[in-house]
Amino acid sequence: MPIRLRFALHGTRNNRIFHLVAIDARHARNAAPAELLGIYDPRLPATIHPDATRRTPNTYNVKENPARTVRWSVDRIRYWLSVGAVPSKSVARLLEAGGIL
């Protein structure tokens, strides 16, 4: 059973969250995974510009907090990589940025 580490899409349109999962490579993108390894939220947190006169929830102040949210289990990711799981291109890019690969 070939295992891949890849993202599963969750959330509504324009409000996506990606779950990092270990899943059989032959299954569909949003099939039931073998294990949930992490959650990646690519959206920047909404903030109010200091010079804005009214609240606009879709504006971002990138200077305050430019980071996106990533929560993952490093031990479990390393376990799956040690038993031969192959990460997808996008997951490999994220793991390299996080210092896991």
PDB file of N, CA and C in Angstrom:
ATOM      1  N   MET A   1       0.845  -1.180   0.000  1.00  0.00           N
ATOM      2  CA  MET A   1       0.000   0.000   0.000  1.00  0.00           C
ATOM      3  C   MET A   1       0.894   1.249   0.000  1.00  0.00           C
ATOM      4  N   PRO A   2       1.024   1.946  -1.133  1.00  0.00           N
ATOM      5  CA  PRO A   2       1.863   3.147  -1.190  1.00  0.00           C
ATOM      6  C   PRO A   2       1.183   4.323  -0.483  1.00  0.00           C
ATOM      7  N   ILE A   3       1.889   4.896   0.471  1.00  0.00           N
ATOM      8  CA  ILE A   3       1.354   6.020   1.240  1.00  0.00           C
ATOM      9  C   ILE A   3       1.974   7.318   0.724  1.00  0.00           C
ATOM     10  N   ARG A   4       1.133   8.324   0.586  1.00  0.00           N
ATOM     11  CA  ARG A   4       1.598   9.662   0.218  1.00  0.00           C
ATOM     12  C   ARG A   4       1.212  10.645   1.297  1.00  0.00           C
ATOM     13  N   LEU A   5       2.034  11.664   1.461  1.00  0.00           N
ATOM     14  CA  LEU A   5       1.695  12.805   2.305  1.00  0.00           C
ATOM     15  C   LEU A   5       1.202  13.887   1.367  1.00  0.00           C
ATOM     16  N   ARG A   6      -0.043  14.303   1.528  1.00  0.00           N
ATOM     17  CA  ARG A   6      -0.596  15.310   0.628  1.00  0.00           C
ATOM     18  C   ARG A   6      -1.657  16.121   1.348  1.00  0.00           C
ATOM     19  N   PHE A   7      -2.144  17.155   0.664  1.00  0.00           N
ATOM     20  CA  PHE A   7      -3.154  18.034   1.233  1.00  0.00           C
ATOM     21  C   PHE A   7      -4.549  17.559   0.843  1.00  0.00           C
ATOM     22  N   ALA A   8      -5.487  17.695   1.780  1.00  0.00           N
ATOM     23  CA  ALA A   8      -6.908  17.478   1.523  1.00  0.00           C
ATOM     24  C   ALA A   8      -7.597  18.818   1.736  1.00  0.00           C
ATOM     25  N   LEU A   9      -8.438  19.211   0.795  1.00  0.00           N
ATOM     26  CA  LEU A   9      -9.134  20.498   0.877  1.00  0.00           C
ATOM     27  C   LEU A   9     -10.322  20.424   1.821  1.00  0.00           C
ATOM     28  N   HIS A  10     -10.471  21.446   2.642  1.00  0.00           N
ATOM     29  CA  HIS A  10     -11.622  21.569   3.531  1.00  0.00           C
ATOM     30  C   HIS A  10     -12.017  23.033   3.586  1.00  0.00           C
ATOM     31  N   GLY A  11     -13.243  23.299   3.966  1.00  0.00           N
ATOM     32  CA  GLY A  11     -13.727  24.672   4.066  1.00  0.00           C
ATOM     33  C   GLY A  11     -14.549  25.058   2.854  1.00  0.00           C
ATOM     34  N   THR A  12     -15.172  26.218   2.957  1.00  0.00           N
ATOM     35  CA  THR A  12     -16.012  26.704   1.881  1.00  0.00           C
ATOM     36  C   THR A  12     -15.186  27.439   0.842  1.00  0.00           C
ATOM     37  N   ARG A  13     -15.808  27.777  -0.245  1.00  0.00           N
ATOM     38  CA  ARG A  13     -15.136  28.503  -1.313  1.00  0.00           C
ATOM     39  C   ARG A  13     -14.597  29.825  -0.777  1.00  0.00           C
ATOM     40  N   ASN A  14     -13.406  30.198  -1.191  1.00  0.00           N
ATOM     41  CA  ASN A  14     -12.697  31.396  -0.756  1.00  0.00           C
ATOM     42  C   ASN A  14     -12.381  31.375   0.741  1.00  0.00           C
ATOM     43  N   ASN A  15     -12.472  30.235   1.363  1.00  0.00           N
ATOM     44  CA  ASN A  15     -12.176  30.107   2.787  1.00  0.00           C
ATOM     45  C   ASN A  15     -11.575  28.718   3.026  1.00  0.00           C
ATOM     46  N   ARG A  16     -10.602  28.344   2.207  1.00  0.00           N
ATOM     47  CA  ARG A  16     -10.048  26.997   2.217  1.00  0.00           C
ATOM     48  C   ARG A  16      -9.051  26.795   3.357  1.00  0.00           C
ATOM     49  N   ILE A  17      -9.062  25.581   3.867  1.00  0.00           N
ATOM     50  CA  ILE A  17      -8.073  25.113   4.824  1.00  0.00           C
ATOM     51  C   ILE A  17      -7.568  23.784   4.283  1.00  0.00           C
ATOM     52  N   PHE A  18      -6.276  23.554   4.389  1.00  0.00           N
ATOM     53  CA  PHE A  18      -5.683  22.323   3.875  1.00  0.00           C
ATOM     54  C   PHE A  18      -5.264  21.443   5.042  1.00  0.00           C
ATOM     55  N   HIS A  19      -5.710  20.182   5.032  1.00  0.00           N
ATOM     56  CA  HIS A  19      -5.269  19.209   6.016  1.00  0.00           C
ATOM     57  C   HIS A  19      -4.121  18.419   5.421  1.00  0.00           C
ATOM     58  N   LEU A  20      -3.029  18.325   6.143  1.00  0.00           N
ATOM     59  CA  LEU A  20      -1.896  17.499   5.739  1.00  0.00           C
ATOM     60  C   LEU A  20      -2.193  16.083   6.217  1.00  0.00           C
ATOM     61  N   VAL A  21      -2.323  15.154   5.286  1.00  0.00           N
ATOM     62  CA  VAL A  21      -2.743  13.801   5.630  1.00  0.00           C
ATOM     63  C   VAL A  21      -1.799  12.763   5.048  1.00  0.00           C
ATOM     64  N   ALA A  22      -1.752  11.609   5.713  1.00  0.00           N
ATOM     65  CA  ALA A  22      -1.106  10.416   5.175  1.00  0.00           C
ATOM     66  C   ALA A  22      -2.231   9.562   4.616  1.00  0.00           C
ATOM     67  N   ILE A  23      -2.149   9.246   3.329  1.00  0.00           N
ATOM     68  CA  ILE A  23      -3.258   8.572   2.655  1.00  0.00           C
ATOM     69  C   ILE A  23      -2.707   7.627   1.596  1.00  0.00           C
ATOM     70  N   ASP A  24      -3.469   6.598   1.309  1.00  0.00           N
ATOM     71  CA  ASP A  24      -3.116   5.682   0.227  1.00  0.00           C
ATOM     72  C   ASP A  24      -3.103   6.477  -1.087  1.00  0.00           C
ATOM     73  N   ALA A  25      -2.058   6.325  -1.858  1.00  0.00           N
ATOM     74  CA  ALA A  25      -1.884   7.116  -3.083  1.00  0.00           C
ATOM     75  C   ALA A  25      -2.973   6.847  -4.117  1.00  0.00           C
ATOM     76  N   ARG A  26      -3.641   5.722  -4.017  1.00  0.00           N
ATOM     77  CA  ARG A  26      -4.676   5.384  -4.995  1.00  0.00           C
ATOM     78  C   ARG A  26      -6.033   5.992  -4.673  1.00  0.00           C
ATOM     79  N   HIS A  27      -6.196   6.572  -3.503  1.00  0.00           N
ATOM     80  CA  HIS A  27      -7.474   7.158  -3.101  1.00  0.00           C
ATOM     81  C   HIS A  27      -7.640   8.576  -3.630  1.00  0.00           C
ATOM     82  N   ALA A  28      -8.882   9.042  -3.628  1.00  0.00           N
ATOM     83  CA  ALA A  28      -9.186  10.398  -4.093  1.00  0.00           C
ATOM     84  C   ALA A  28      -8.642  11.436  -3.120  1.00  0.00           C
ATOM     85  N   ARG A  29      -8.643  12.690  -3.550  1.00  0.00           N
ATOM     86  CA  ARG A  29      -8.058  13.778  -2.775  1.00  0.00           C
ATOM     87  C   ARG A  29      -8.676  13.914  -1.389  1.00  0.00           C
ATOM     88  N   ASN A  30      -9.998  13.851  -1.284  1.00  0.00           N
ATOM     89  CA  ASN A  30     -10.656  14.060   0.002  1.00  0.00           C
ATOM     90  C   ASN A  30     -11.178  12.759   0.607  1.00  0.00           C
ATOM     91  N   ALA A  31     -10.575  11.638   0.258  1.00  0.00           N
ATOM     92  CA  ALA A  31     -10.964  10.353   0.841  1.00  0.00           C
ATOM     93  C   ALA A  31     -10.520  10.299   2.305  1.00  0.00           C
ATOM     94  N   ALA A  32     -11.006   9.308   3.020  1.00  0.00           N
ATOM     95  CA  ALA A  32     -10.643   9.156   4.429  1.00  0.00           C
ATOM     96  C   ALA A  32      -9.150   8.834   4.542  1.00  0.00           C
ATOM     97  N   PRO A  33      -8.397   9.638   5.286  1.00  0.00           N
ATOM     98  CA  PRO A  33      -6.957   9.431   5.376  1.00  0.00           C
ATOM     99  C   PRO A  33      -6.597   8.357   6.400  1.00  0.00           C
ATOM    100  N   ALA A  34      -5.371   7.856   6.307  1.00  0.00           N
ATOM    101  CA  ALA A  34      -4.855   6.951   7.322  1.00  0.00           C
ATOM    102  C   ALA A  34      -4.602   7.723   8.611  1.00  0.00           C
ATOM    103  N   GLU A  35      -4.139   8.984   8.473  1.00  0.00           N
ATOM    104  CA  GLU A  35      -3.870   9.811   9.655  1.00  0.00           C
ATOM    105  C   GLU A  35      -3.831  11.282   9.261  1.00  0.00           C
ATOM    106  N   LEU A  36      -4.379  12.124  10.134  1.00  0.00           N
ATOM    107  CA  LEU A  36      -4.287  13.581   9.973  1.00  0.00           C
ATOM    108  C   LEU A  36      -3.002  14.037  10.650  1.00  0.00           C
ATOM    109  N   LEU A  37      -2.126  14.689   9.878  1.00  0.00           N
ATOM    110  CA  LEU A  37      -0.816  15.074  10.398  1.00  0.00           C
ATOM    111  C   LEU A  37      -0.694  16.554  10.702  1.00  0.00           C
ATOM    112  N   GLY A  38      -1.528  17.379  10.099  1.00  0.00           N
ATOM    113  CA  GLY A  38      -1.429  18.807  10.353  1.00  0.00           C
ATOM    114  C   GLY A  38      -2.489  19.583   9.616  1.00  0.00           C
ATOM    115  N   ILE A  39      -2.552  20.878   9.914  1.00  0.00           N
ATOM    116  CA  ILE A  39      -3.511  21.783   9.288  1.00  0.00           C
ATOM    117  C   ILE A  39      -2.766  23.017   8.828  1.00  0.00           C
ATOM    118  N   TYR A  40      -2.989  23.400   7.568  1.00  0.00           N
ATOM    119  CA  TYR A  40      -2.350  24.581   6.978  1.00  0.00           C
ATOM    120  C   TYR A  40      -3.445  25.548   6.573  1.00  0.00           C
ATOM    121  N   ASP A  41      -3.389  26.753   7.139  1.00  0.00           N
ATOM    122  CA  ASP A  41      -4.342  27.811   6.813  1.00  0.00           C
ATOM    123  C   ASP A  41      -3.579  28.897   6.059  1.00  0.00           C
ATOM    124  N   PRO A  42      -3.735  28.988   4.735  1.00  0.00           N
ATOM    125  CA  PRO A  42      -2.935  29.923   3.953  1.00  0.00           C
ATOM    126  C   PRO A  42      -3.385  31.374   4.039  1.00  0.00           C
ATOM    127  N   ARG A  43      -4.538  31.641   4.639  1.00  0.00           N
ATOM    128  CA  ARG A  43      -5.036  33.013   4.703  1.00  0.00           C
ATOM    129  C   ARG A  43      -4.329  33.808   5.788  1.00  0.00           C
ATOM    130  N   LEU A  44      -4.056  35.055   5.492  1.00  0.00           N
ATOM    131  CA  LEU A  44      -3.509  35.947   6.502  1.00  0.00           C
ATOM    132  C   LEU A  44      -4.631  36.365   7.443  1.00  0.00           C
ATOM    133  N   PRO A  45      -4.325  36.570   8.716  1.00  0.00           N
ATOM    134  CA  PRO A  45      -5.385  36.987   9.637  1.00  0.00           C
ATOM    135  C   PRO A  45      -5.886  38.387   9.298  1.00  0.00           C
ATOM    136  N   ALA A  46      -7.191  38.580   9.371  1.00  0.00           N
ATOM    137  CA  ALA A  46      -7.789  39.869   9.034  1.00  0.00           C
ATOM    138  C   ALA A  46      -7.492  40.873  10.142  1.00  0.00           C
ATOM    139  N   THR A  47      -7.034  42.044   9.754  1.00  0.00           N
ATOM    140  CA  THR A  47      -6.794  43.131  10.702  1.00  0.00           C
ATOM    141  C   THR A  47      -7.359  44.408  10.118  1.00  0.00           C
ATOM    142  N   ILE A  48      -7.439  45.421  10.923  1.00  0.00           N
ATOM    143  CA  ILE A  48      -7.960  46.713  10.497  1.00  0.00           C
ATOM    144  C   ILE A  48      -6.788  47.659  10.283  1.00  0.00           C
ATOM    145  N   HIS A  49      -6.780  48.343   9.150  1.00  0.00           N
ATOM    146  CA  HIS A  49      -5.751  49.340   8.899  1.00  0.00           C
ATOM    147  C   HIS A  49      -5.897  50.468   9.913  1.00  0.00           C
ATOM    148  N   PRO A  50      -4.793  51.000  10.431  1.00  0.00           N
ATOM    149  CA  PRO A  50      -4.903  52.061  11.423  1.00  0.00           C
ATOM    150  C   PRO A  50      -5.534  53.342  10.865  1.00  0.00           C
ATOM    151  N   ASP A  51      -5.432  53.563   9.561  1.00  0.00           N
ATOM    152  CA  ASP A  51      -5.987  54.792   8.984  1.00  0.00           C
ATOM    153  C   ASP A  51      -7.399  54.586   8.426  1.00  0.00           C
ATOM    154  N   ALA A  52      -7.970  53.391   8.602  1.00  0.00           N
ATOM    155  CA  ALA A  52      -9.319  53.133   8.088  1.00  0.00           C
ATOM    156  C   ALA A  52     -10.355  53.809   8.980  1.00  0.00           C
ATOM    157  N   THR A  53     -11.356  54.412   8.350  1.00  0.00           N
ATOM    158  CA  THR A  53     -12.394  55.099   9.119  1.00  0.00           C
ATOM    159  C   THR A  53     -13.530  54.163   9.488  1.00  0.00           C
ATOM    160  N   ARG A  54     -13.668  53.052   8.779  1.00  0.00           N
ATOM    161  CA  ARG A  54     -14.699  52.095   9.130  1.00  0.00           C
ATOM    162  C   ARG A  54     -14.109  50.693   9.058  1.00  0.00           C
ATOM    163  N   ARG A  55     -14.773  49.762   9.696  1.00  0.00           N
ATOM    164  CA  ARG A  55     -14.264  48.391   9.726  1.00  0.00           C
ATOM    165  C   ARG A  55     -14.467  47.712   8.377  1.00  0.00           C
ATOM    166  N   THR A  56     -13.410  47.162   7.853  1.00  0.00           N
ATOM    167  CA  THR A  56     -13.489  46.386   6.621  1.00  0.00           C
ATOM    168  C   THR A  56     -12.805  45.052   6.891  1.00  0.00           C
ATOM    169  N   PRO A  57     -13.551  43.978   7.077  1.00  0.00           N
ATOM    170  CA  PRO A  57     -12.950  42.709   7.507  1.00  0.00           C
ATOM    171  C   PRO A  57     -12.050  42.051   6.479  1.00  0.00           C
ATOM    172  N   ASN A  58     -12.098  42.455   5.227  1.00  0.00           N
ATOM    173  CA  ASN A  58     -11.284  41.807   4.207  1.00  0.00           C
ATOM    174  C   ASN A  58      -9.975  42.531   3.930  1.00  0.00           C
ATOM    175  N   THR A  59      -9.607  43.501   4.761  1.00  0.00           N
ATOM    176  CA  THR A  59      -8.343  44.190   4.564  1.00  0.00           C
ATOM    177  C   THR A  59      -7.288  43.571   5.461  1.00  0.00           C
ATOM    178  N   TYR A  60      -6.054  43.579   4.994  1.00  0.00           N
ATOM    179  CA  TYR A  60      -4.962  42.961   5.730  1.00  0.00           C
ATOM    180  C   TYR A  60      -3.880  43.987   5.974  1.00  0.00           C
ATOM    181  N   ASN A  61      -3.313  43.927   7.159  1.00  0.00           N
ATOM    182  CA  ASN A  61      -2.153  44.738   7.479  1.00  0.00           C
ATOM    183  C   ASN A  61      -0.971  43.779   7.545  1.00  0.00           C
ATOM    184  N   VAL A  62      -0.286  43.614   6.431  1.00  0.00           N
ATOM    185  CA  VAL A  62       0.756  42.610   6.304  1.00  0.00           C
ATOM    186  C   VAL A  62       1.958  42.955   7.173  1.00  0.00           C
ATOM    187  N   LYS A  63       2.175  44.228   7.473  1.00  0.00           N
ATOM    188  CA  LYS A  63       3.324  44.612   8.289  1.00  0.00           C
ATOM    189  C   LYS A  63       3.203  44.083   9.711  1.00  0.00           C
ATOM    190  N   GLU A  64       1.966  43.949  10.227  1.00  0.00           N
ATOM    191  CA  GLU A  64       1.777  43.473  11.593  1.00  0.00           C
ATOM    192  C   GLU A  64       2.059  41.991  11.728  1.00  0.00           C
ATOM    193  N   ASN A  65       1.430  41.164  10.905  1.00  0.00           N
ATOM    194  CA  ASN A  65       1.539  39.723  11.045  1.00  0.00           C
ATOM    195  C   ASN A  65       1.485  39.063   9.665  1.00  0.00           C
ATOM    196  N   PRO A  66       2.644  38.913   9.008  1.00  0.00           N
ATOM    197  CA  PRO A  66       2.623  38.354   7.656  1.00  0.00           C
ATOM    198  C   PRO A  66       2.580  36.830   7.618  1.00  0.00           C
ATOM    199  N   ALA A  67       2.568  36.165   8.766  1.00  0.00           N
ATOM    200  CA  ALA A  67       2.677  34.707   8.802  1.00  0.00           C
ATOM    201  C   ALA A  67       1.347  34.024   8.558  1.00  0.00           C
ATOM    202  N   ARG A  68       1.427  32.876   7.917  1.00  0.00           N
ATOM    203  CA  ARG A  68       0.275  32.011   7.751  1.00  0.00           C
ATOM    204  C   ARG A  68       0.351  30.936   8.826  1.00  0.00           C
ATOM    205  N   THR A  69      -0.765  30.285   9.109  1.00  0.00           N
ATOM    206  CA  THR A  69      -0.828  29.341  10.213  1.00  0.00           C
ATOM    207  C   THR A  69      -0.558  27.922   9.739  1.00  0.00           C
ATOM    208  N   VAL A  70       0.382  27.256  10.409  1.00  0.00           N
ATOM    209  CA  VAL A  70       0.666  25.851  10.149  1.00  0.00           C
ATOM    210  C   VAL A  70       0.754  25.148  11.501  1.00  0.00           C
ATOM    211  N   ARG A  71      -0.073  24.113  11.679  1.00  0.00           N
ATOM    212  CA  ARG A  71      -0.005  23.278  12.882  1.00  0.00           C
ATOM    213  C   ARG A  71       0.208  21.850  12.425  1.00  0.00           C
ATOM    214  N   TRP A  72       1.264  21.202  12.920  1.00  0.00           N
ATOM    215  CA  TRP A  72       1.531  19.846  12.483  1.00  0.00           C
ATOM    216  C   TRP A  72       2.210  19.043  13.585  1.00  0.00           C
ATOM    217  N   SER A  73       2.191  17.736  13.425  1.00  0.00           N
ATOM    218  CA  SER A  73       2.842  16.813  14.339  1.00  0.00           C
ATOM    219  C   SER A  73       4.145  16.360  13.680  1.00  0.00           C
ATOM    220  N   VAL A  74       5.241  16.949  14.104  1.00  0.00           N
ATOM    221  CA  VAL A  74       6.536  16.684  13.471  1.00  0.00           C
ATOM    222  C   VAL A  74       6.943  15.228  13.659  1.00  0.00           C
ATOM    223  N   ASP A  75       6.710  14.673  14.840  1.00  0.00           N
ATOM    224  CA  ASP A  75       7.087  13.282  15.092  1.00  0.00           C
ATOM    225  C   ASP A  75       6.364  12.318  14.151  1.00  0.00           C
ATOM    226  N   ARG A  76       5.077  12.534  13.963  1.00  0.00           N
ATOM    227  CA  ARG A  76       4.306  11.648  13.088  1.00  0.00           C
ATOM    228  C   ARG A  76       4.691  11.835  11.616  1.00  0.00           C
ATOM    229  N   ILE A  77       4.999  13.053  11.208  1.00  0.00           N
ATOM    230  CA  ILE A  77       5.445  13.290   9.830  1.00  0.00           C
ATOM    231  C   ILE A  77       6.765  12.558   9.591  1.00  0.00           C
ATOM    232  N   ARG A  78       7.681  12.677  10.537  1.00  0.00           N
ATOM    233  CA  ARG A  78       8.972  11.978  10.398  1.00  0.00           C
ATOM    234  C   ARG A  78       8.782  10.459  10.400  1.00  0.00           C
ATOM    235  N   TYR A  79       7.823   9.967  11.189  1.00  0.00           N
ATOM    236  CA  TYR A  79       7.548   8.529  11.184  1.00  0.00           C
ATOM    237  C   TYR A  79       7.098   8.083   9.795  1.00  0.00           C
ATOM    238  N   TRP A  80       6.127   8.788   9.214  1.00  0.00           N
ATOM    239  CA  TRP A  80       5.620   8.383   7.903  1.00  0.00           C
ATOM    240  C   TRP A  80       6.700   8.486   6.833  1.00  0.00           C
ATOM    241  N   LEU A  81       7.561   9.491   6.934  1.00  0.00           N
ATOM    242  CA  LEU A  81       8.661   9.598   5.972  1.00  0.00           C
ATOM    243  C   LEU A  81       9.651   8.449   6.154  1.00  0.00           C
ATOM    244  N   SER A  82       9.861   8.007   7.391  1.00  0.00           N
ATOM    245  CA  SER A  82      10.819   6.923   7.645  1.00  0.00           C
ATOM    246  C   SER A  82      10.317   5.569   7.144  1.00  0.00           C
ATOM    247  N   VAL A  83       8.988   5.388   7.084  1.00  0.00           N
ATOM    248  CA  VAL A  83       8.464   4.112   6.596  1.00  0.00           C
ATOM    249  C   VAL A  83       8.195   4.135   5.098  1.00  0.00           C
ATOM    250  N   GLY A  84       8.586   5.213   4.421  1.00  0.00           N
ATOM    251  CA  GLY A  84       8.530   5.229   2.965  1.00  0.00           C
ATOM    252  C   GLY A  84       7.436   6.067   2.337  1.00  0.00           C
ATOM    253  N   ALA A  85       6.739   6.885   3.110  1.00  0.00           N
ATOM    254  CA  ALA A  85       5.721   7.755   2.531  1.00  0.00           C
ATOM    255  C   ALA A  85       6.392   8.819   1.665  1.00  0.00           C
ATOM    256  N   VAL A  86       5.779   9.126   0.542  1.00  0.00           N
ATOM    257  CA  VAL A  86       6.333  10.102  -0.402  1.00  0.00           C
ATOM    258  C   VAL A  86       5.480  11.369  -0.351  1.00  0.00           C
ATOM    259  N   PRO A  87       6.080  12.525  -0.046  1.00  0.00           N
ATOM    260  CA  PRO A  87       5.287  13.760  -0.019  1.00  0.00           C
ATOM    261  C   PRO A  87       5.016  14.277  -1.430  1.00  0.00           C
ATOM    262  N   SER A  88       3.880  14.946  -1.600  1.00  0.00           N
ATOM    263  CA  SER A  88       3.587  15.605  -2.868  1.00  0.00           C
ATOM    264  C   SER A  88       4.498  16.827  -2.999  1.00  0.00           C
ATOM    265  N   LYS A  89       4.487  17.449  -4.177  1.00  0.00           N
ATOM    266  CA  LYS A  89       5.368  18.605  -4.404  1.00  0.00           C
ATOM    267  C   LYS A  89       5.060  19.748  -3.453  1.00  0.00           C
ATOM    268  N   SER A  90       3.777  20.053  -3.282  1.00  0.00           N
ATOM    269  CA  SER A  90       3.415  21.174  -2.411  1.00  0.00           C
ATOM    270  C   SER A  90       3.701  20.867  -0.944  1.00  0.00           C
ATOM    271  N   VAL A  91       3.495  19.634  -0.526  1.00  0.00           N
ATOM    272  CA  VAL A  91       3.804  19.259   0.854  1.00  0.00           C
ATOM    273  C   VAL A  91       5.312  19.281   1.071  1.00  0.00           C
ATOM    274  N   ALA A  92       6.076  18.807   0.103  1.00  0.00           N
ATOM    275  CA  ALA A  92       7.540  18.822   0.226  1.00  0.00           C
ATOM    276  C   ALA A  92       8.049  20.259   0.351  1.00  0.00           C
ATOM    277  N   ARG A  93       7.466  21.172  -0.400  1.00  0.00           N
ATOM    278  CA  ARG A  93       7.865  22.583  -0.313  1.00  0.00           C
ATOM    279  C   ARG A  93       7.598  23.148   1.080  1.00  0.00           C
ATOM    280  N   LEU A  94       6.443  22.809   1.646  1.00  0.00           N
ATOM    281  CA  LEU A  94       6.080  23.293   2.982  1.00  0.00           C
ATOM    282  C   LEU A  94       6.965  22.654   4.047  1.00  0.00           C
ATOM    283  N   LEU A  95       7.267  21.380   3.918  1.00  0.00           N
ATOM    284  CA  LEU A  95       8.123  20.709   4.890  1.00  0.00           C
ATOM    285  C   LEU A  95       9.556  21.223   4.829  1.00  0.00           C
ATOM    286  N   GLU A  96      10.039  21.571   3.640  1.00  0.00           N
ATOM    287  CA  GLU A  96      11.372  22.166   3.522  1.00  0.00           C
ATOM    288  C   GLU A  96      11.408  23.539   4.178  1.00  0.00           C
ATOM    289  N   ALA A  97      10.366  24.315   3.996  1.00  0.00           N
ATOM    290  CA  ALA A  97      10.303  25.640   4.630  1.00  0.00           C
ATOM    291  C   ALA A  97      10.243  25.521   6.140  1.00  0.00           C
ATOM    292  N   GLY A  98       9.632  24.451   6.646  1.00  0.00           N
ATOM    293  CA  GLY A  98       9.540  24.237   8.078  1.00  0.00           C
ATOM    294  C   GLY A  98      10.725  23.531   8.682  1.00  0.00           C
ATOM    295  N   GLY A  99      11.675  23.100   7.858  1.00  0.00           N
ATOM    296  CA  GLY A  99      12.897  22.454   8.350  1.00  0.00           C
ATOM    297  C   GLY A  99      12.726  20.990   8.680  1.00  0.00           C
ATOM    298  N   ILE A 100      11.692  20.342   8.180  1.00  0.00           N
ATOM    299  CA  ILE A 100      11.475  18.920   8.451  1.00  0.00           C
ATOM    300  C   ILE A 100      12.187  18.054   7.411  1.00  0.00           C
ATOM    301  N   LEU A 101      12.192  18.476   6.163  1.00  0.00           N
ATOM    302  CA  LEU A 101      12.907  17.733   5.110  1.00  0.00           C
ATOM    303  C   LEU A 101      14.309  18.252   4.946  1.00  0.00           C
TER     304      LEU A 101
END
